[in-house]
Amino acid sequence: METSNMPAGSPPDNNLVWAIITTVICCLPLGIVAIIKSTKVKELWMSGDQAGAQKAADDAKKYAIWGMVIGGVFWILYIILMVAGVLGSAF
């Protein structure tokens, strides 16, 4: 008979890889928030807070996606402006 309050199964995916990729390539501020959220998933899961762990995982994914979208839009605009010659004379 086991009396621990440890949840059955495995914790949700913490999306740490996506958070790190977002931080390094796309958008530093949102990537850092995503990393912080993703590192809390296992801790919450081990303490028995399944709903909190799932919310932290979902938040990490949300911030990583938003960071990638914002970073992608930034780089696309940057390339368009470079090709158009708007930023070419500044550098």
PDB file of N, CA and C in Angstrom:
ATOM      1  N   MET A   1       0.839  -1.177   0.000  1.00  0.00           N
ATOM      2  CA  MET A   1       0.000   0.000   0.000  1.00  0.00           C
ATOM      3  C   MET A   1       0.889   1.247   0.000  1.00  0.00           C
ATOM      4  N   GLU A   2       0.663   2.091  -0.989  1.00  0.00           N
ATOM      5  CA  GLU A   2       1.469   3.300  -1.127  1.00  0.00           C
ATOM      6  C   GLU A   2       0.647   4.495  -0.667  1.00  0.00           C
ATOM      7  N   THR A   3       1.236   5.322   0.180  1.00  0.00           N
ATOM      8  CA  THR A   3       0.486   6.445   0.739  1.00  0.00           C
ATOM      9  C   THR A   3       0.980   7.797   0.235  1.00  0.00           C
ATOM     10  N   SER A   4       1.921   7.817  -0.678  1.00  0.00           N
ATOM     11  CA  SER A   4       2.416   9.101  -1.166  1.00  0.00           C
ATOM     12  C   SER A   4       1.363   9.762  -2.058  1.00  0.00           C
ATOM     13  N   ASN A   5       1.430  11.068  -2.142  1.00  0.00           N
ATOM     14  CA  ASN A   5       0.471  11.786  -2.976  1.00  0.00           C
ATOM     15  C   ASN A   5       1.022  12.034  -4.381  1.00  0.00           C
ATOM     16  N   MET A   6       2.027  11.239  -4.758  1.00  0.00           N
ATOM     17  CA  MET A   6       2.621  11.376  -6.071  1.00  0.00           C
ATOM     18  C   MET A   6       1.614  10.902  -7.126  1.00  0.00           C
ATOM     19  N   PRO A   7       1.371  11.698  -8.158  1.00  0.00           N
ATOM     20  CA  PRO A   7       0.390  11.324  -9.169  1.00  0.00           C
ATOM     21  C   PRO A   7       0.852  10.137 -10.011  1.00  0.00           C
ATOM     22  N   ALA A   8      -0.127   9.395 -10.490  1.00  0.00           N
ATOM     23  CA  ALA A   8       0.174   8.257 -11.354  1.00  0.00           C
ATOM     24  C   ALA A   8       0.499   8.761 -12.753  1.00  0.00           C
ATOM     25  N   GLY A   9       1.311   8.022 -13.448  1.00  0.00           N
ATOM     26  CA  GLY A   9       1.658   8.410 -14.811  1.00  0.00           C
ATOM     27  C   GLY A   9       2.862   9.318 -14.859  1.00  0.00           C
ATOM     28  N   SER A  10       3.027   9.905 -16.019  1.00  0.00           N
ATOM     29  CA  SER A  10       4.180  10.796 -16.202  1.00  0.00           C
ATOM     30  C   SER A  10       3.702  12.240 -16.322  1.00  0.00           C
ATOM     31  N   PRO A  11       4.573  13.182 -15.977  1.00  0.00           N
ATOM     32  CA  PRO A  11       4.182  14.589 -16.056  1.00  0.00           C
ATOM     33  C   PRO A  11       3.981  15.023 -17.508  1.00  0.00           C
ATOM     34  N   PRO A  12       3.256  16.111 -17.710  1.00  0.00           N
ATOM     35  CA  PRO A  12       3.080  16.602 -19.080  1.00  0.00           C
ATOM     36  C   PRO A  12       4.413  17.096 -19.646  1.00  0.00           C
ATOM     37  N   ASP A  13       4.487  17.148 -20.964  1.00  0.00           N
ATOM     38  CA  ASP A  13       5.691  17.642 -21.629  1.00  0.00           C
ATOM     39  C   ASP A  13       5.928  19.081 -21.198  1.00  0.00           C
ATOM     40  N   ASN A  14       7.135  19.370 -20.724  1.00  0.00           N
ATOM     41  CA  ASN A  14       7.406  20.701 -20.204  1.00  0.00           C
ATOM     42  C   ASN A  14       7.779  21.712 -21.290  1.00  0.00           C
ATOM     43  N   ASN A  15       7.957  21.287 -22.520  1.00  0.00           N
ATOM     44  CA  ASN A  15       8.261  22.166 -23.656  1.00  0.00           C
ATOM     45  C   ASN A  15       9.556  22.958 -23.465  1.00  0.00           C
ATOM     46  N   LEU A  16      10.482  22.412 -22.712  1.00  0.00           N
ATOM     47  CA  LEU A  16      11.741  23.110 -22.434  1.00  0.00           C
ATOM     48  C   LEU A  16      12.570  23.312 -23.703  1.00  0.00           C
ATOM     49  N   VAL A  17      12.567  22.347 -24.592  1.00  0.00           N
ATOM     50  CA  VAL A  17      13.346  22.474 -25.828  1.00  0.00           C
ATOM     51  C   VAL A  17      12.854  23.667 -26.642  1.00  0.00           C
ATOM     52  N   TRP A  18      11.534  23.785 -26.786  1.00  0.00           N
ATOM     53  CA  TRP A  18      10.965  24.910 -27.534  1.00  0.00           C
ATOM     54  C   TRP A  18      11.257  26.235 -26.847  1.00  0.00           C
ATOM     55  N   ALA A  19      11.227  26.230 -25.521  1.00  0.00           N
ATOM     56  CA  ALA A  19      11.522  27.452 -24.767  1.00  0.00           C
ATOM     57  C   ALA A  19      12.964  27.897 -25.005  1.00  0.00           C
ATOM     58  N   ILE A  20      13.889  26.956 -25.015  1.00  0.00           N
ATOM     59  CA  ILE A  20      15.296  27.289 -25.240  1.00  0.00           C
ATOM     60  C   ILE A  20      15.517  27.777 -26.676  1.00  0.00           C
ATOM     61  N   ILE A  21      14.913  27.098 -27.632  1.00  0.00           N
ATOM     62  CA  ILE A  21      15.037  27.523 -29.032  1.00  0.00           C
ATOM     63  C   ILE A  21      14.490  28.932 -29.208  1.00  0.00           C
ATOM     64  N   THR A  22      13.344  29.198 -28.597  1.00  0.00           N
ATOM     65  CA  THR A  22      12.763  30.541 -28.684  1.00  0.00           C
ATOM     66  C   THR A  22      13.690  31.577 -28.087  1.00  0.00           C
ATOM     67  N   THR A  23      14.294  31.254 -26.957  1.00  0.00           N
ATOM     68  CA  THR A  23      15.192  32.196 -26.289  1.00  0.00           C
ATOM     69  C   THR A  23      16.419  32.490 -27.140  1.00  0.00           C
ATOM     70  N   VAL A  24      17.004  31.473 -27.717  1.00  0.00           N
ATOM     71  CA  VAL A  24      18.256  31.632 -28.458  1.00  0.00           C
ATOM     72  C   VAL A  24      18.037  32.259 -29.837  1.00  0.00           C
ATOM     73  N   ILE A  25      16.995  31.860 -30.534  1.00  0.00           N
ATOM     74  CA  ILE A  25      16.831  32.266 -31.926  1.00  0.00           C
ATOM     75  C   ILE A  25      15.836  33.411 -32.118  1.00  0.00           C
ATOM     76  N   CYS A  26      14.774  33.413 -31.364  1.00  0.00           N
ATOM     77  CA  CYS A  26      13.662  34.297 -31.716  1.00  0.00           C
ATOM     78  C   CYS A  26      13.486  35.516 -30.814  1.00  0.00           C
ATOM     79  N   CYS A  27      13.063  35.271 -29.595  1.00  0.00           N
ATOM     80  CA  CYS A  27      12.641  36.383 -28.743  1.00  0.00           C
ATOM     81  C   CYS A  27      13.081  36.114 -27.304  1.00  0.00           C
ATOM     82  N   LEU A  28      14.108  36.805 -26.872  1.00  0.00           N
ATOM     83  CA  LEU A  28      14.697  36.574 -25.557  1.00  0.00           C
ATOM     84  C   LEU A  28      13.704  36.726 -24.394  1.00  0.00           C
ATOM     85  N   PRO A  29      12.945  37.814 -24.293  1.00  0.00           N
ATOM     86  CA  PRO A  29      12.071  37.971 -23.120  1.00  0.00           C
ATOM     87  C   PRO A  29      11.012  36.869 -22.985  1.00  0.00           C
ATOM     88  N   LEU A  30      10.320  36.562 -24.069  1.00  0.00           N
ATOM     89  CA  LEU A  30       9.297  35.518 -23.996  1.00  0.00           C
ATOM     90  C   LEU A  30       9.920  34.139 -23.838  1.00  0.00           C
ATOM     91  N   GLY A  31      11.091  33.944 -24.380  1.00  0.00           N
ATOM     92  CA  GLY A  31      11.793  32.676 -24.206  1.00  0.00           C
ATOM     93  C   GLY A  31      12.174  32.432 -22.755  1.00  0.00           C
ATOM     94  N   ILE A  32      12.609  33.476 -22.081  1.00  0.00           N
ATOM     95  CA  ILE A  32      12.964  33.339 -20.660  1.00  0.00           C
ATOM     96  C   ILE A  32      11.734  32.987 -19.831  1.00  0.00           C
ATOM     97  N   VAL A  33      10.611  33.645 -20.119  1.00  0.00           N
ATOM     98  CA  VAL A  33       9.371  33.317 -19.405  1.00  0.00           C
ATOM     99  C   VAL A  33       8.987  31.868 -19.669  1.00  0.00           C
ATOM    100  N   ALA A  34       9.134  31.424 -20.912  1.00  0.00           N
ATOM    101  CA  ALA A  34       8.809  30.036 -21.258  1.00  0.00           C
ATOM    102  C   ALA A  34       9.719  29.059 -20.518  1.00  0.00           C
ATOM    103  N   ILE A  35      10.996  29.382 -20.391  1.00  0.00           N
ATOM    104  CA  ILE A  35      11.919  28.511 -19.653  1.00  0.00           C
ATOM    105  C   ILE A  35      11.515  28.426 -18.187  1.00  0.00           C
ATOM    106  N   ILE A  36      11.187  29.550 -17.594  1.00  0.00           N
ATOM    107  CA  ILE A  36      10.781  29.560 -16.184  1.00  0.00           C
ATOM    108  C   ILE A  36       9.529  28.707 -15.983  1.00  0.00           C
ATOM    109  N   LYS A  37       8.550  28.871 -16.862  1.00  0.00           N
ATOM    110  CA  LYS A  37       7.316  28.081 -16.753  1.00  0.00           C
ATOM    111  C   LYS A  37       7.606  26.587 -16.934  1.00  0.00           C
ATOM    112  N   SER A  38       8.467  26.259 -17.908  1.00  0.00           N
ATOM    113  CA  SER A  38       8.725  24.851 -18.195  1.00  0.00           C
ATOM    114  C   SER A  38       9.489  24.152 -17.074  1.00  0.00           C
ATOM    115  N   THR A  39      10.331  24.892 -16.362  1.00  0.00           N
ATOM    116  CA  THR A  39      11.085  24.264 -15.279  1.00  0.00           C
ATOM    117  C   THR A  39      10.219  24.000 -14.043  1.00  0.00           C
ATOM    118  N   LYS A  40       9.051  24.600 -13.975  1.00  0.00           N
ATOM    119  CA  LYS A  40       8.161  24.378 -12.838  1.00  0.00           C
ATOM    120  C   LYS A  40       7.269  23.143 -13.008  1.00  0.00           C
ATOM    121  N   VAL A  41       7.197  22.598 -14.209  1.00  0.00           N
ATOM    122  CA  VAL A  41       6.281  21.496 -14.489  1.00  0.00           C
ATOM    123  C   VAL A  41       6.567  20.286 -13.609  1.00  0.00           C
ATOM    124  N   LYS A  42       7.803  19.820 -13.598  1.00  0.00           N
ATOM    125  CA  LYS A  42       8.137  18.612 -12.837  1.00  0.00           C
ATOM    126  C   LYS A  42       7.971  18.838 -11.337  1.00  0.00           C
ATOM    127  N   GLU A  43       8.368  20.009 -10.868  1.00  0.00           N
ATOM    128  CA  GLU A  43       8.234  20.327  -9.443  1.00  0.00           C
ATOM    129  C   GLU A  43       6.762  20.292  -9.014  1.00  0.00           C
ATOM    130  N   LEU A  44       5.907  20.895  -9.808  1.00  0.00           N
ATOM    131  CA  LEU A  44       4.473  20.881  -9.487  1.00  0.00           C
ATOM    132  C   LEU A  44       3.912  19.468  -9.559  1.00  0.00           C
ATOM    133  N   TRP A  45       4.334  18.712 -10.555  1.00  0.00           N
ATOM    134  CA  TRP A  45       3.860  17.330 -10.721  1.00  0.00           C
ATOM    135  C   TRP A  45       4.254  16.475  -9.524  1.00  0.00           C
ATOM    136  N   MET A  46       5.504  16.596  -9.102  1.00  0.00           N
ATOM    137  CA  MET A  46       5.996  15.784  -7.983  1.00  0.00           C
ATOM    138  C   MET A  46       5.311  16.157  -6.668  1.00  0.00           C
ATOM    139  N   SER A  47       4.849  17.400  -6.551  1.00  0.00           N
ATOM    140  CA  SER A  47       4.153  17.803  -5.331  1.00  0.00           C
ATOM    141  C   SER A  47       2.683  17.407  -5.367  1.00  0.00           C
ATOM    142  N   GLY A  48       2.228  16.810  -6.451  1.00  0.00           N
ATOM    143  CA  GLY A  48       0.854  16.335  -6.549  1.00  0.00           C
ATOM    144  C   GLY A  48      -0.100  17.305  -7.216  1.00  0.00           C
ATOM    145  N   ASP A  49       0.395  18.426  -7.688  1.00  0.00           N
ATOM    146  CA  ASP A  49      -0.443  19.441  -8.332  1.00  0.00           C
ATOM    147  C   ASP A  49      -0.493  19.179  -9.830  1.00  0.00           C
ATOM    148  N   GLN A  50      -1.340  18.251 -10.223  1.00  0.00           N
ATOM    149  CA  GLN A  50      -1.441  17.879 -11.633  1.00  0.00           C
ATOM    150  C   GLN A  50      -1.968  19.029 -12.483  1.00  0.00           C
ATOM    151  N   ALA A  51      -2.979  19.728 -11.970  1.00  0.00           N
ATOM    152  CA  ALA A  51      -3.552  20.845 -12.726  1.00  0.00           C
ATOM    153  C   ALA A  51      -2.528  21.972 -12.881  1.00  0.00           C
ATOM    154  N   GLY A  52      -1.779  22.259 -11.826  1.00  0.00           N
ATOM    155  CA  GLY A  52      -0.747  23.292 -11.893  1.00  0.00           C
ATOM    156  C   GLY A  52       0.360  22.922 -12.859  1.00  0.00           C
ATOM    157  N   ALA A  53       0.733  21.643 -12.868  1.00  0.00           N
ATOM    158  CA  ALA A  53       1.773  21.182 -13.789  1.00  0.00           C
ATOM    159  C   ALA A  53       1.307  21.312 -15.236  1.00  0.00           C
ATOM    160  N   GLN A  54       0.055  20.946 -15.489  1.00  0.00           N
ATOM    161  CA  GLN A  54      -0.482  21.053 -16.846  1.00  0.00           C
ATOM    162  C   GLN A  54      -0.580  22.514 -17.278  1.00  0.00           C
ATOM    163  N   LYS A  55      -0.986  23.391 -16.361  1.00  0.00           N
ATOM    164  CA  LYS A  55      -1.075  24.824 -16.679  1.00  0.00           C
ATOM    165  C   LYS A  55       0.309  25.398 -16.964  1.00  0.00           C
ATOM    166  N   ALA A  56       1.305  25.023 -16.164  1.00  0.00           N
ATOM    167  CA  ALA A  56       2.676  25.500 -16.398  1.00  0.00           C
ATOM    168  C   ALA A  56       3.180  25.020 -17.753  1.00  0.00           C
ATOM    169  N   ALA A  57       2.888  23.768 -18.113  1.00  0.00           N
ATOM    170  CA  ALA A  57       3.299  23.231 -19.410  1.00  0.00           C
ATOM    171  C   ALA A  57       2.603  23.979 -20.548  1.00  0.00           C
ATOM    172  N   ASP A  58       1.304  24.229 -20.383  1.00  0.00           N
ATOM    173  CA  ASP A  58       0.560  24.962 -21.405  1.00  0.00           C
ATOM    174  C   ASP A  58       1.068  26.395 -21.539  1.00  0.00           C
ATOM    175  N   ASP A  59       1.377  27.036 -20.410  1.00  0.00           N
ATOM    176  CA  ASP A  59       1.914  28.399 -20.444  1.00  0.00           C
ATOM    177  C   ASP A  59       3.275  28.439 -21.123  1.00  0.00           C
ATOM    178  N   ALA A  60       4.125  27.459 -20.822  1.00  0.00           N
ATOM    179  CA  ALA A  60       5.449  27.402 -21.457  1.00  0.00           C
ATOM    180  C   ALA A  60       5.304  27.291 -22.968  1.00  0.00           C
ATOM    181  N   LYS A  61       4.391  26.446 -23.407  1.00  0.00           N
ATOM    182  CA  LYS A  61       4.157  26.271 -24.841  1.00  0.00           C
ATOM    183  C   LYS A  61       3.620  27.561 -25.460  1.00  0.00           C
ATOM    184  N   LYS A  62       2.687  28.206 -24.765  1.00  0.00           N
ATOM    185  CA  LYS A  62       2.090  29.455 -25.261  1.00  0.00           C
ATOM    186  C   LYS A  62       3.153  30.537 -25.427  1.00  0.00           C
ATOM    187  N   TYR A  63       4.000  30.732 -24.414  1.00  0.00           N
ATOM    188  CA  TYR A  63       5.030  31.762 -24.503  1.00  0.00           C
ATOM    189  C   TYR A  63       6.071  31.427 -25.569  1.00  0.00           C
ATOM    190  N   ALA A  64       6.403  30.158 -25.719  1.00  0.00           N
ATOM    191  CA  ALA A  64       7.358  29.763 -26.757  1.00  0.00           C
ATOM    192  C   ALA A  64       6.791  30.041 -28.145  1.00  0.00           C
ATOM    193  N   ILE A  65       5.514  29.725 -28.341  1.00  0.00           N
ATOM    194  CA  ILE A  65       4.889  29.974 -29.645  1.00  0.00           C
ATOM    195  C   ILE A  65       4.830  31.469 -29.932  1.00  0.00           C
ATOM    196  N   TRP A  66       4.400  32.254 -28.964  1.00  0.00           N
ATOM    197  CA  TRP A  66       4.337  33.702 -29.161  1.00  0.00           C
ATOM    198  C   TRP A  66       5.721  34.275 -29.444  1.00  0.00           C
ATOM    199  N   GLY A  67       6.724  33.791 -28.745  1.00  0.00           N
ATOM    200  CA  GLY A  67       8.084  34.258 -28.992  1.00  0.00           C
ATOM    201  C   GLY A  67       8.552  33.933 -30.391  1.00  0.00           C
ATOM    202  N   MET A  68       8.228  32.732 -30.865  1.00  0.00           N
ATOM    203  CA  MET A  68       8.622  32.347 -32.219  1.00  0.00           C
ATOM    204  C   MET A  68       7.892  33.187 -33.266  1.00  0.00           C
ATOM    205  N   VAL A  69       6.618  33.441 -33.040  1.00  0.00           N
ATOM    206  CA  VAL A  69       5.847  34.258 -33.986  1.00  0.00           C
ATOM    207  C   VAL A  69       6.410  35.672 -34.044  1.00  0.00           C
ATOM    208  N   ILE A  70       6.635  36.273 -32.884  1.00  0.00           N
ATOM    209  CA  ILE A  70       7.171  37.639 -32.844  1.00  0.00           C
ATOM    210  C   ILE A  70       8.569  37.691 -33.462  1.00  0.00           C
ATOM    211  N   GLY A  71       9.407  36.717 -33.123  1.00  0.00           N
ATOM    212  CA  GLY A  71      10.746  36.661 -33.716  1.00  0.00           C
ATOM    213  C   GLY A  71      10.701  36.464 -35.214  1.00  0.00           C
ATOM    214  N   GLY A  72       9.807  35.590 -35.677  1.00  0.00           N
ATOM    215  CA  GLY A  72       9.661  35.353 -37.116  1.00  0.00           C
ATOM    216  C   GLY A  72       9.212  36.594 -37.863  1.00  0.00           C
ATOM    217  N   VAL A  73       8.230  37.305 -37.300  1.00  0.00           N
ATOM    218  CA  VAL A  73       7.749  38.542 -37.930  1.00  0.00           C
ATOM    219  C   VAL A  73       8.874  39.578 -37.979  1.00  0.00           C
ATOM    220  N   PHE A  74       9.620  39.685 -36.881  1.00  0.00           N
ATOM    221  CA  PHE A  74      10.743  40.633 -36.847  1.00  0.00           C
ATOM    222  C   PHE A  74      11.747  40.330 -37.959  1.00  0.00           C
ATOM    223  N   TRP A  75      12.160  39.062 -38.083  1.00  0.00           N
ATOM    224  CA  TRP A  75      13.171  38.713 -39.083  1.00  0.00           C
ATOM    225  C   TRP A  75      12.648  38.877 -40.505  1.00  0.00           C
ATOM    226  N   ILE A  76      11.388  38.569 -40.728  1.00  0.00           N
ATOM    227  CA  ILE A  76      10.805  38.759 -42.061  1.00  0.00           C
ATOM    228  C   ILE A  76      10.792  40.245 -42.425  1.00  0.00           C
ATOM    229  N   LEU A  77      10.353  41.095 -41.484  1.00  0.00           N
ATOM    230  CA  LEU A  77      10.361  42.537 -41.734  1.00  0.00           C
ATOM    231  C   LEU A  77      11.778  43.055 -41.962  1.00  0.00           C
ATOM    232  N   TYR A  78      12.720  42.560 -41.188  1.00  0.00           N
ATOM    233  CA  TYR A  78      14.117  42.966 -41.335  1.00  0.00           C
ATOM    234  C   TYR A  78      14.633  42.632 -42.729  1.00  0.00           C
ATOM    235  N   ILE A  79      14.364  41.424 -43.188  1.00  0.00           N
ATOM    236  CA  ILE A  79      14.820  40.996 -44.519  1.00  0.00           C
ATOM    237  C   ILE A  79      14.151  41.822 -45.607  1.00  0.00           C
ATOM    238  N   ILE A  80      12.856  42.059 -45.466  1.00  0.00           N
ATOM    239  CA  ILE A  80      12.139  42.864 -46.462  1.00  0.00           C
ATOM    240  C   ILE A  80      12.729  44.272 -46.534  1.00  0.00           C
ATOM    241  N   LEU A  81      12.994  44.864 -45.383  1.00  0.00           N
ATOM    242  CA  LEU A  81      13.553  46.218 -45.367  1.00  0.00           C
ATOM    243  C   LEU A  81      14.979  46.243 -45.916  1.00  0.00           C
ATOM    244  N   MET A  82      15.740  45.194 -45.659  1.00  0.00           N
ATOM    245  CA  MET A  82      17.106  45.131 -46.219  1.00  0.00           C
ATOM    246  C   MET A  82      17.049  45.015 -47.740  1.00  0.00           C
ATOM    247  N   VAL A  83      16.153  44.168 -48.256  1.00  0.00           N
ATOM    248  CA  VAL A  83      16.042  43.988 -49.699  1.00  0.00           C
ATOM    249  C   VAL A  83      15.530  45.278 -50.350  1.00  0.00           C
ATOM    250  N   ALA A  84      14.629  45.958 -49.669  1.00  0.00           N
ATOM    251  CA  ALA A  84      14.085  47.212 -50.222  1.00  0.00           C
ATOM    252  C   ALA A  84      15.104  48.348 -50.150  1.00  0.00           C
ATOM    253  N   GLY A  85      16.163  48.178 -49.404  1.00  0.00           N
ATOM    254  CA  GLY A  85      17.201  49.198 -49.339  1.00  0.00           C
ATOM    255  C   GLY A  85      16.972  50.239 -48.262  1.00  0.00           C
ATOM    256  N   VAL A  86      15.949  50.067 -47.476  1.00  0.00           N
ATOM    257  CA  VAL A  86      15.641  51.042 -46.429  1.00  0.00           C
ATOM    258  C   VAL A  86      16.719  51.003 -45.349  1.00  0.00           C
ATOM    259  N   LEU A  87      17.158  49.819 -44.979  1.00  0.00           N
ATOM    260  CA  LEU A  87      18.171  49.699 -43.936  1.00  0.00           C
ATOM    261  C   LEU A  87      19.581  49.560 -44.488  1.00  0.00           C
ATOM    262  N   GLY A  88      19.718  49.410 -45.780  1.00  0.00           N
ATOM    263  CA  GLY A  88      21.021  49.180 -46.386  1.00  0.00           C
ATOM    264  C   GLY A  88      21.996  50.323 -46.203  1.00  0.00           C
ATOM    265  N   SER A  89      21.517  51.545 -46.244  1.00  0.00           N
ATOM    266  CA  SER A  89      22.412  52.692 -46.139  1.00  0.00           C
ATOM    267  C   SER A  89      22.838  52.961 -44.695  1.00  0.00           C
ATOM    268  N   ALA A  90      22.127  52.408 -43.728  1.00  0.00           N
ATOM    269  CA  ALA A  90      22.460  52.641 -42.318  1.00  0.00           C
ATOM    270  C   ALA A  90      23.649  51.813 -41.879  1.00  0.00           C
ATOM    271  N   PHE A  91      23.953  50.743 -42.569  1.00  0.00           N
ATOM    272  CA  PHE A  91      25.037  49.857 -42.153  1.00  0.00           C
ATOM    273  C   PHE A  91      26.117  49.911 -43.154  1.00  0.00           C
TER     274      PHE A  91
END
